[in-house]
Amino acid sequence: MHLLTIALAEDRATTLAQERRRHGSLPARPRGGPTSAARRMLARALATISLVSAAAVRRLDACIAEDLVRPLAPADGA
């Protein structure tokens, strides 16, 4: 990770903490209705699909790597 990114994140966290102290605690987010629950379920479903597809890609990559390492024809005399 680039060192500037870390410094920017620390600076942002410090600024947020100062604003909270200055203005009191930030108001809580209003709880959503049924659409919020549907969005949350959709987000979880998409995350699950993403994890499953990433696992499939890793498995295919491992299979292809094994095929590249394994010789195509047996060595003579071995």
PDB file of N, CA and C in Angstrom:
ATOM      1  N   MET A   1       0.846  -1.167   0.000  1.00  0.00           N
ATOM      2  CA  MET A   1       0.000   0.000   0.000  1.00  0.00           C
ATOM      3  C   MET A   1       0.893   1.233   0.000  1.00  0.00           C
ATOM      4  N   HIS A   2       0.483   2.216  -0.708  1.00  0.00           N
ATOM      5  CA  HIS A   2       1.268   3.433  -0.806  1.00  0.00           C
ATOM      6  C   HIS A   2       1.222   4.173   0.525  1.00  0.00           C
ATOM      7  N   LEU A   3       2.349   4.740   0.948  1.00  0.00           N
ATOM      8  CA  LEU A   3       2.421   5.405   2.245  1.00  0.00           C
ATOM      9  C   LEU A   3       1.522   6.637   2.309  1.00  0.00           C
ATOM     10  N   LEU A   4       1.325   7.315   1.192  1.00  0.00           N
ATOM     11  CA  LEU A   4       0.461   8.485   1.180  1.00  0.00           C
ATOM     12  C   LEU A   4      -0.977   8.108   1.505  1.00  0.00           C
ATOM     13  N   THR A   5      -1.420   6.953   1.066  1.00  0.00           N
ATOM     14  CA  THR A   5      -2.783   6.498   1.345  1.00  0.00           C
ATOM     15  C   THR A   5      -2.995   6.329   2.837  1.00  0.00           C
ATOM     16  N   ILE A   6      -2.018   5.782   3.523  1.00  0.00           N
ATOM     17  CA  ILE A   6      -2.120   5.593   4.970  1.00  0.00           C
ATOM     18  C   ILE A   6      -2.199   6.943   5.670  1.00  0.00           C
ATOM     19  N   ALA A   7      -1.364   7.889   5.247  1.00  0.00           N
ATOM     20  CA  ALA A   7      -1.376   9.214   5.860  1.00  0.00           C
ATOM     21  C   ALA A   7      -2.709   9.912   5.625  1.00  0.00           C
ATOM     22  N   LEU A   8      -3.274   9.769   4.422  1.00  0.00           N
ATOM     23  CA  LEU A   8      -4.567  10.383   4.134  1.00  0.00           C
ATOM     24  C   LEU A   8      -5.672   9.766   4.995  1.00  0.00           C
ATOM     25  N   ALA A   9      -5.637   8.452   5.187  1.00  0.00           N
ATOM     26  CA  ALA A   9      -6.644   7.783   6.009  1.00  0.00           C
ATOM     27  C   ALA A   9      -6.546   8.234   7.465  1.00  0.00           C
ATOM     28  N   GLU A  10      -5.322   8.350   7.977  1.00  0.00           N
ATOM     29  CA  GLU A  10      -5.140   8.816   9.355  1.00  0.00           C
ATOM     30  C   GLU A  10      -5.620  10.248   9.511  1.00  0.00           C
ATOM     31  N   ASP A  11      -5.337  11.089   8.528  1.00  0.00           N
ATOM     32  CA  ASP A  11      -5.773  12.478   8.567  1.00  0.00           C
ATOM     33  C   ASP A  11      -7.298  12.560   8.555  1.00  0.00           C
ATOM     34  N   ARG A  12      -7.936  11.758   7.730  1.00  0.00           N
ATOM     35  CA  ARG A  12      -9.404  11.753   7.651  1.00  0.00           C
ATOM     36  C   ARG A  12     -10.008  11.266   8.969  1.00  0.00           C
ATOM     37  N   ALA A  13      -9.427  10.241   9.569  1.00  0.00           N
ATOM     38  CA  ALA A  13      -9.931   9.727  10.845  1.00  0.00           C
ATOM     39  C   ALA A  13      -9.792  10.775  11.942  1.00  0.00           C
ATOM     40  N   THR A  14      -8.692  11.489  11.954  1.00  0.00           N
ATOM     41  CA  THR A  14      -8.485  12.553  12.935  1.00  0.00           C
ATOM     42  C   THR A  14      -9.505  13.664  12.750  1.00  0.00           C
ATOM     43  N   THR A  15      -9.745  14.051  11.505  1.00  0.00           N
ATOM     44  CA  THR A  15     -10.716  15.106  11.214  1.00  0.00           C
ATOM     45  C   THR A  15     -12.114  14.689  11.660  1.00  0.00           C
ATOM     46  N   LEU A  16     -12.510  13.462  11.387  1.00  0.00           N
ATOM     47  CA  LEU A  16     -13.829  12.982  11.807  1.00  0.00           C
ATOM     48  C   LEU A  16     -13.961  12.957  13.326  1.00  0.00           C
ATOM     49  N   ALA A  17     -12.913  12.538  14.009  1.00  0.00           N
ATOM     50  CA  ALA A  17     -12.955  12.499  15.469  1.00  0.00           C
ATOM     51  C   ALA A  17     -13.091  13.911  16.037  1.00  0.00           C
ATOM     52  N   GLN A  18     -12.396  14.877  15.468  1.00  0.00           N
ATOM     53  CA  GLN A  18     -12.499  16.263  15.929  1.00  0.00           C
ATOM     54  C   GLN A  18     -13.903  16.813  15.689  1.00  0.00           C
ATOM     55  N   GLU A  19     -14.487  16.488  14.539  1.00  0.00           N
ATOM     56  CA  GLU A  19     -15.842  16.961  14.247  1.00  0.00           C
ATOM     57  C   GLU A  19     -16.853  16.353  15.209  1.00  0.00           C
ATOM     58  N   ARG A  20     -16.688  15.091  15.554  1.00  0.00           N
ATOM     59  CA  ARG A  20     -17.611  14.454  16.498  1.00  0.00           C
ATOM     60  C   ARG A  20     -17.513  15.117  17.866  1.00  0.00           C
ATOM     61  N   ARG A  21     -16.283  15.406  18.306  1.00  0.00           N
ATOM     62  CA  ARG A  21     -16.116  16.062  19.600  1.00  0.00           C
ATOM     63  C   ARG A  21     -16.712  17.464  19.585  1.00  0.00           C
ATOM     64  N   ARG A  22     -16.542  18.155  18.480  1.00  0.00           N
ATOM     65  CA  ARG A  22     -17.008  19.522  18.375  1.00  0.00           C
ATOM     66  C   ARG A  22     -18.534  19.590  18.313  1.00  0.00           C
ATOM     67  N   HIS A  23     -19.152  18.703  17.581  1.00  0.00           N
ATOM     68  CA  HIS A  23     -20.594  18.761  17.359  1.00  0.00           C
ATOM     69  C   HIS A  23     -21.367  17.717  18.149  1.00  0.00           C
ATOM     70  N   GLY A  24     -20.734  17.016  19.001  1.00  0.00           N
ATOM     71  CA  GLY A  24     -21.409  15.923  19.703  1.00  0.00           C
ATOM     72  C   GLY A  24     -21.447  14.712  18.803  1.00  0.00           C
ATOM     73  N   SER A  25     -22.138  13.708  19.230  1.00  0.00           N
ATOM     74  CA  SER A  25     -22.188  12.508  18.397  1.00  0.00           C
ATOM     75  C   SER A  25     -23.078  12.762  17.190  1.00  0.00           C
ATOM     76  N   LEU A  26     -22.758  12.121  16.117  1.00  0.00           N
ATOM     77  CA  LEU A  26     -23.538  12.265  14.897  1.00  0.00           C
ATOM     78  C   LEU A  26     -24.861  11.536  15.065  1.00  0.00           C
ATOM     79  N   PRO A  27     -25.939  12.056  14.481  1.00  0.00           N
ATOM     80  CA  PRO A  27     -27.227  11.367  14.622  1.00  0.00           C
ATOM     81  C   PRO A  27     -27.185   9.998  13.950  1.00  0.00           C
ATOM     82  N   ALA A  28     -27.921   9.083  14.521  1.00  0.00           N
ATOM     83  CA  ALA A  28     -27.964   7.732  13.971  1.00  0.00           C
ATOM     84  C   ALA A  28     -28.692   7.741  12.638  1.00  0.00           C
ATOM     85  N   ARG A  29     -28.293   6.818  11.784  1.00  0.00           N
ATOM     86  CA  ARG A  29     -28.976   6.701  10.494  1.00  0.00           C
ATOM     87  C   ARG A  29     -30.399   6.230  10.732  1.00  0.00           C
ATOM     88  N   PRO A  30     -31.336   6.778   9.997  1.00  0.00           N
ATOM     89  CA  PRO A  30     -32.698   6.261  10.144  1.00  0.00           C
ATOM     90  C   PRO A  30     -32.779   4.832   9.627  1.00  0.00           C
ATOM     91  N   ARG A  31     -33.515   4.019  10.359  1.00  0.00           N
ATOM     92  CA  ARG A  31     -33.665   2.629   9.952  1.00  0.00           C
ATOM     93  C   ARG A  31     -34.550   2.566   8.728  1.00  0.00           C
ATOM     94  N   GLY A  32     -34.141   1.796   7.776  1.00  0.00           N
ATOM     95  CA  GLY A  32     -34.891   1.678   6.539  1.00  0.00           C
ATOM     96  C   GLY A  32     -36.062   0.717   6.682  1.00  0.00           C
ATOM     97  N   GLY A  33     -36.898   0.767   5.714  1.00  0.00           N
ATOM     98  CA  GLY A  33     -38.066  -0.102   5.693  1.00  0.00           C
ATOM     99  C   GLY A  33     -37.778  -1.373   4.938  1.00  0.00           C
ATOM    100  N   PRO A  34     -38.788  -1.895   4.264  1.00  0.00           N
ATOM    101  CA  PRO A  34     -38.625  -3.152   3.529  1.00  0.00           C
ATOM    102  C   PRO A  34     -37.622  -3.049   2.383  1.00  0.00           C
ATOM    103  N   THR A  35     -37.483  -1.860   1.798  1.00  0.00           N
ATOM    104  CA  THR A  35     -36.522  -1.736   0.700  1.00  0.00           C
ATOM    105  C   THR A  35     -35.102  -1.883   1.210  1.00  0.00           C
ATOM    106  N   SER A  36     -34.862  -1.417   2.433  1.00  0.00           N
ATOM    107  CA  SER A  36     -33.531  -1.563   3.017  1.00  0.00           C
ATOM    108  C   SER A  36     -33.208  -3.039   3.248  1.00  0.00           C
ATOM    109  N   ALA A  37     -34.185  -3.780   3.722  1.00  0.00           N
ATOM    110  CA  ALA A  37     -33.975  -5.217   3.949  1.00  0.00           C
ATOM    111  C   ALA A  37     -33.750  -5.933   2.620  1.00  0.00           C
ATOM    112  N   ALA A  38     -34.485  -5.531   1.587  1.00  0.00           N
ATOM    113  CA  ALA A  38     -34.314  -6.149   0.266  1.00  0.00           C
ATOM    114  C   ALA A  38     -32.935  -5.830  -0.289  1.00  0.00           C
ATOM    115  N   ARG A  39     -32.491  -4.601  -0.105  1.00  0.00           N
ATOM    116  CA  ARG A  39     -31.144  -4.235  -0.572  1.00  0.00           C
ATOM    117  C   ARG A  39     -30.076  -5.024   0.154  1.00  0.00           C
ATOM    118  N   ARG A  40     -30.272  -5.194   1.460  1.00  0.00           N
ATOM    119  CA  ARG A  40     -29.288  -5.947   2.247  1.00  0.00           C
ATOM    120  C   ARG A  40     -29.242  -7.403   1.787  1.00  0.00           C
ATOM    121  N   MET A  41     -30.407  -8.007   1.543  1.00  0.00           N
ATOM    122  CA  MET A  41     -30.441  -9.391   1.062  1.00  0.00           C
ATOM    123  C   MET A  41     -29.814  -9.500  -0.320  1.00  0.00           C
ATOM    124  N   LEU A  42     -30.080  -8.537  -1.188  1.00  0.00           N
ATOM    125  CA  LEU A  42     -29.489  -8.543  -2.523  1.00  0.00           C
ATOM    126  C   LEU A  42     -27.974  -8.390  -2.445  1.00  0.00           C
ATOM    127  N   ALA A  43     -27.509  -7.527  -1.555  1.00  0.00           N
ATOM    128  CA  ALA A  43     -26.066  -7.333  -1.391  1.00  0.00           C
ATOM    129  C   ALA A  43     -25.399  -8.617  -0.900  1.00  0.00           C
ATOM    130  N   ARG A  44     -26.048  -9.300   0.043  1.00  0.00           N
ATOM    131  CA  ARG A  44     -25.483 -10.563   0.541  1.00  0.00           C
ATOM    132  C   ARG A  44     -25.472 -11.630  -0.546  1.00  0.00           C
ATOM    133  N   ALA A  45     -26.536 -11.671  -1.354  1.00  0.00           N
ATOM    134  CA  ALA A  45     -26.589 -12.650  -2.444  1.00  0.00           C
ATOM    135  C   ALA A  45     -25.487 -12.376  -3.468  1.00  0.00           C
ATOM    136  N   LEU A  46     -25.295 -11.108  -3.819  1.00  0.00           N
ATOM    137  CA  LEU A  46     -24.238 -10.768  -4.774  1.00  0.00           C
ATOM    138  C   LEU A  46     -22.852 -11.062  -4.203  1.00  0.00           C
ATOM    139  N   ALA A  47     -22.679 -10.830  -2.908  1.00  0.00           N
ATOM    140  CA  ALA A  47     -21.398 -11.140  -2.278  1.00  0.00           C
ATOM    141  C   ALA A  47     -21.136 -12.643  -2.295  1.00  0.00           C
ATOM    142  N   THR A  48     -22.169 -13.434  -2.053  1.00  0.00           N
ATOM    143  CA  THR A  48     -22.028 -14.890  -2.094  1.00  0.00           C
ATOM    144  C   THR A  48     -21.676 -15.363  -3.492  1.00  0.00           C
ATOM    145  N   ILE A  49     -22.366 -14.816  -4.497  1.00  0.00           N
ATOM    146  CA  ILE A  49     -22.055 -15.170  -5.887  1.00  0.00           C
ATOM    147  C   ILE A  49     -20.621 -14.798  -6.213  1.00  0.00           C
ATOM    148  N   SER A  50     -20.184 -13.641  -5.752  1.00  0.00           N
ATOM    149  CA  SER A  50     -18.815 -13.201  -6.009  1.00  0.00           C
ATOM    150  C   SER A  50     -17.799 -14.150  -5.374  1.00  0.00           C
ATOM    151  N   LEU A  51     -18.050 -14.560  -4.131  1.00  0.00           N
ATOM    152  CA  LEU A  51     -17.128 -15.473  -3.450  1.00  0.00           C
ATOM    153  C   LEU A  51     -17.080 -16.834  -4.136  1.00  0.00           C
ATOM    154  N   VAL A  52     -18.232 -17.326  -4.568  1.00  0.00           N
ATOM    155  CA  VAL A  52     -18.282 -18.632  -5.236  1.00  0.00           C
ATOM    156  C   VAL A  52     -17.558 -18.564  -6.576  1.00  0.00           C
ATOM    157  N   SER A  53     -17.785 -17.492  -7.329  1.00  0.00           N
ATOM    158  CA  SER A  53     -17.114 -17.389  -8.627  1.00  0.00           C
ATOM    159  C   SER A  53     -15.603 -17.212  -8.446  1.00  0.00           C
ATOM    160  N   ALA A  54     -15.183 -16.489  -7.404  1.00  0.00           N
ATOM    161  CA  ALA A  54     -13.746 -16.346  -7.146  1.00  0.00           C
ATOM    162  C   ALA A  54     -13.125 -17.697  -6.797  1.00  0.00           C
ATOM    163  N   ALA A  55     -13.829 -18.510  -6.035  1.00  0.00           N
ATOM    164  CA  ALA A  55     -13.323 -19.845  -5.694  1.00  0.00           C
ATOM    165  C   ALA A  55     -13.219 -20.710  -6.944  1.00  0.00           C
ATOM    166  N   ALA A  56     -14.199 -20.600  -7.841  1.00  0.00           N
ATOM    167  CA  ALA A  56     -14.156 -21.376  -9.083  1.00  0.00           C
ATOM    168  C   ALA A  56     -12.979 -20.948  -9.954  1.00  0.00           C
ATOM    169  N   VAL A  57     -12.736 -19.658 -10.011  1.00  0.00           N
ATOM    170  CA  VAL A  57     -11.611 -19.159 -10.809  1.00  0.00           C
ATOM    171  C   VAL A  57     -10.290 -19.643 -10.220  1.00  0.00           C
ATOM    172  N   ARG A  58     -10.163 -19.608  -8.882  1.00  0.00           N
ATOM    173  CA  ARG A  58      -8.933 -20.108  -8.253  1.00  0.00           C
ATOM    174  C   ARG A  58      -8.729 -21.591  -8.553  1.00  0.00           C
ATOM    175  N   ARG A  59      -9.809 -22.367  -8.525  1.00  0.00           N
ATOM    176  CA  ARG A  59      -9.709 -23.805  -8.814  1.00  0.00           C
ATOM    177  C   ARG A  59      -9.289 -24.040 -10.262  1.00  0.00           C
ATOM    178  N   LEU A  60      -9.902 -23.309 -11.198  1.00  0.00           N
ATOM    179  CA  LEU A  60      -9.516 -23.448 -12.600  1.00  0.00           C
ATOM    180  C   LEU A  60      -8.065 -23.038 -12.812  1.00  0.00           C
ATOM    181  N   ASP A  61      -7.641 -21.998 -12.124  1.00  0.00           N
ATOM    182  CA  ASP A  61      -6.257 -21.549 -12.239  1.00  0.00           C
ATOM    183  C   ASP A  61      -5.300 -22.634 -11.749  1.00  0.00           C
ATOM    184  N   ALA A  62      -5.650 -23.283 -10.662  1.00  0.00           N
ATOM    185  CA  ALA A  62      -4.807 -24.362 -10.140  1.00  0.00           C
ATOM    186  C   ALA A  62      -4.754 -25.524 -11.122  1.00  0.00           C
ATOM    187  N   CYS A  63      -5.878 -25.853 -11.746  1.00  0.00           N
ATOM    188  CA  CYS A  63      -5.903 -26.948 -12.725  1.00  0.00           C
ATOM    189  C   CYS A  63      -5.040 -26.619 -13.941  1.00  0.00           C
ATOM    190  N   ILE A  64      -5.153 -25.400 -14.411  1.00  0.00           N
ATOM    191  CA  ILE A  64      -4.354 -24.983 -15.570  1.00  0.00           C
ATOM    192  C   ILE A  64      -2.877 -24.985 -15.220  1.00  0.00           C
ATOM    193  N   ALA A  65      -2.545 -24.548 -14.014  1.00  0.00           N
ATOM    194  CA  ALA A  65      -1.145 -24.541 -13.589  1.00  0.00           C
ATOM    195  C   ALA A  65      -0.593 -25.957 -13.524  1.00  0.00           C
ATOM    196  N   GLU A  66      -1.407 -26.908 -13.051  1.00  0.00           N
ATOM    197  CA  GLU A  66      -0.958 -28.304 -13.010  1.00  0.00           C
ATOM    198  C   GLU A  66      -0.723 -28.834 -14.418  1.00  0.00           C
ATOM    199  N   ASP A  67      -1.595 -28.486 -15.353  1.00  0.00           N
ATOM    200  CA  ASP A  67      -1.434 -28.937 -16.736  1.00  0.00           C
ATOM    201  C   ASP A  67      -0.173 -28.355 -17.371  1.00  0.00           C
ATOM    202  N   LEU A  68       0.178 -27.135 -17.017  1.00  0.00           N
ATOM    203  CA  LEU A  68       1.374 -26.520 -17.583  1.00  0.00           C
ATOM    204  C   LEU A  68       2.652 -27.136 -17.032  1.00  0.00           C
ATOM    205  N   VAL A  69       2.594 -27.595 -15.783  1.00  0.00           N
ATOM    206  CA  VAL A  69       3.783 -28.173 -15.157  1.00  0.00           C
ATOM    207  C   VAL A  69       3.980 -29.616 -15.589  1.00  0.00           C
ATOM    208  N   ARG A  70       2.918 -30.341 -15.758  1.00  0.00           N
ATOM    209  CA  ARG A  70       2.998 -31.755 -16.121  1.00  0.00           C
ATOM    210  C   ARG A  70       3.491 -31.880 -17.572  1.00  0.00           C
ATOM    211  N   PRO A  71       4.452 -32.743 -17.826  1.00  0.00           N
ATOM    212  CA  PRO A  71       4.925 -32.911 -19.222  1.00  0.00           C
ATOM    213  C   PRO A  71       3.826 -33.518 -20.099  1.00  0.00           C
ATOM    214  N   LEU A  72       3.815 -33.130 -21.360  1.00  0.00           N
ATOM    215  CA  LEU A  72       2.795 -33.617 -22.275  1.00  0.00           C
ATOM    216  C   LEU A  72       3.057 -35.063 -22.690  1.00  0.00           C
ATOM    217  N   ALA A  73       4.300 -35.423 -22.868  1.00  0.00           N
ATOM    218  CA  ALA A  73       4.652 -36.787 -23.242  1.00  0.00           C
ATOM    219  C   ALA A  73       5.612 -37.349 -22.208  1.00  0.00           C
ATOM    220  N   PRO A  74       5.505 -38.629 -21.901  1.00  0.00           N
ATOM    221  CA  PRO A  74       6.427 -39.205 -20.927  1.00  0.00           C
ATOM    222  C   PRO A  74       7.860 -39.170 -21.437  1.00  0.00           C
ATOM    223  N   ALA A  75       8.779 -38.962 -20.555  1.00  0.00           N
ATOM    224  CA  ALA A  75      10.201 -38.927 -20.922  1.00  0.00           C
ATOM    225  C   ALA A  75      10.676 -40.338 -21.250  1.00  0.00           C
ATOM    226  N   ASP A  76      11.531 -40.473 -22.248  1.00  0.00           N
ATOM    227  CA  ASP A  76      12.048 -41.785 -22.629  1.00  0.00           C
ATOM    228  C   ASP A  76      12.986 -42.311 -21.550  1.00  0.00           C
ATOM    229  N   GLY A  77      12.808 -43.546 -21.214  1.00  0.00           N
ATOM    230  CA  GLY A  77      13.693 -44.193 -20.259  1.00  0.00           C
ATOM    231  C   GLY A  77      13.403 -43.848 -18.815  1.00  0.00           C
ATOM    232  N   ALA A  78      12.349 -43.135 -18.552  1.00  0.00           N
ATOM    233  CA  ALA A  78      12.081 -42.766 -17.157  1.00  0.00           C
ATOM    234  C   ALA A  78      10.921 -43.554 -16.628  1.00  0.00           C
TER     235      ALA A  78
END
